[in-house]
Protein backbone atom coordinates (compact mmCIF):
# COMPACT_ATOMS: atom_id res chain seq x y z
CA MET A 1 -42.30 19.89 -35.40
CA ALA A 2 -44.51 18.39 -32.57
CA THR A 3 -47.86 19.23 -34.00
CA ALA A 4 -49.91 16.50 -31.61
CA GLN A 5 -49.37 19.07 -28.82
CA GLY A 6 -50.46 22.11 -30.79
CA LEU A 7 -46.85 23.73 -31.57
CA ALA A 8 -44.83 23.97 -35.04
CA GLY A 9 -41.28 24.68 -35.57
CA TYR A 10 -38.59 25.14 -38.55
CA TRP A 11 -35.26 25.57 -38.36
CA SER A 12 -32.92 26.52 -41.20
CA SER A 13 -29.26 27.40 -41.79
CA TRP A 14 -29.12 31.20 -43.25
CA GLN A 15 -27.01 32.02 -46.46
CA ALA A 16 -24.41 33.42 -44.69
CA ALA A 17 -24.01 36.63 -46.78
CA ALA A 18 -27.72 37.42 -45.41
CA ARG A 19 -27.28 36.23 -42.12
CA ASP A 20 -23.72 38.20 -41.83
CA ALA A 21 -25.37 41.67 -43.17
CA PRO A 22 -25.03 44.66 -40.81
CA GLU A 23 -28.68 45.48 -42.22
CA MET A 24 -29.79 41.92 -41.24
CA ALA A 25 -28.47 43.02 -37.65
CA ALA A 26 -29.84 46.49 -37.96
CA PHE A 27 -33.57 44.79 -38.87
CA LEU A 28 -32.95 41.94 -35.64
CA GLY A 29 -32.00 44.65 -33.54
CA ILE A 30 -28.78 42.96 -32.66
CA ASP A 31 -25.56 44.06 -32.69
CA PRO A 32 -22.77 41.78 -33.14
CA THR A 33 -19.99 44.18 -31.71
CA GLN A 34 -21.53 43.10 -28.42
CA GLY A 35 -21.28 39.21 -29.28
CA ASP A 36 -24.91 38.79 -30.97
CA ASN A 37 -25.16 36.47 -33.78
CA CYS A 38 -28.67 35.32 -35.64
């Protein structure tokens, strides 16, 4: 996190069942069959 520059960030590992769900891919607008990953 770099709050002094007015930036903020957060990273977290996603729960595998949610991360790999087709509904999540659709929500994010990605296509896992084309190599897109979240």
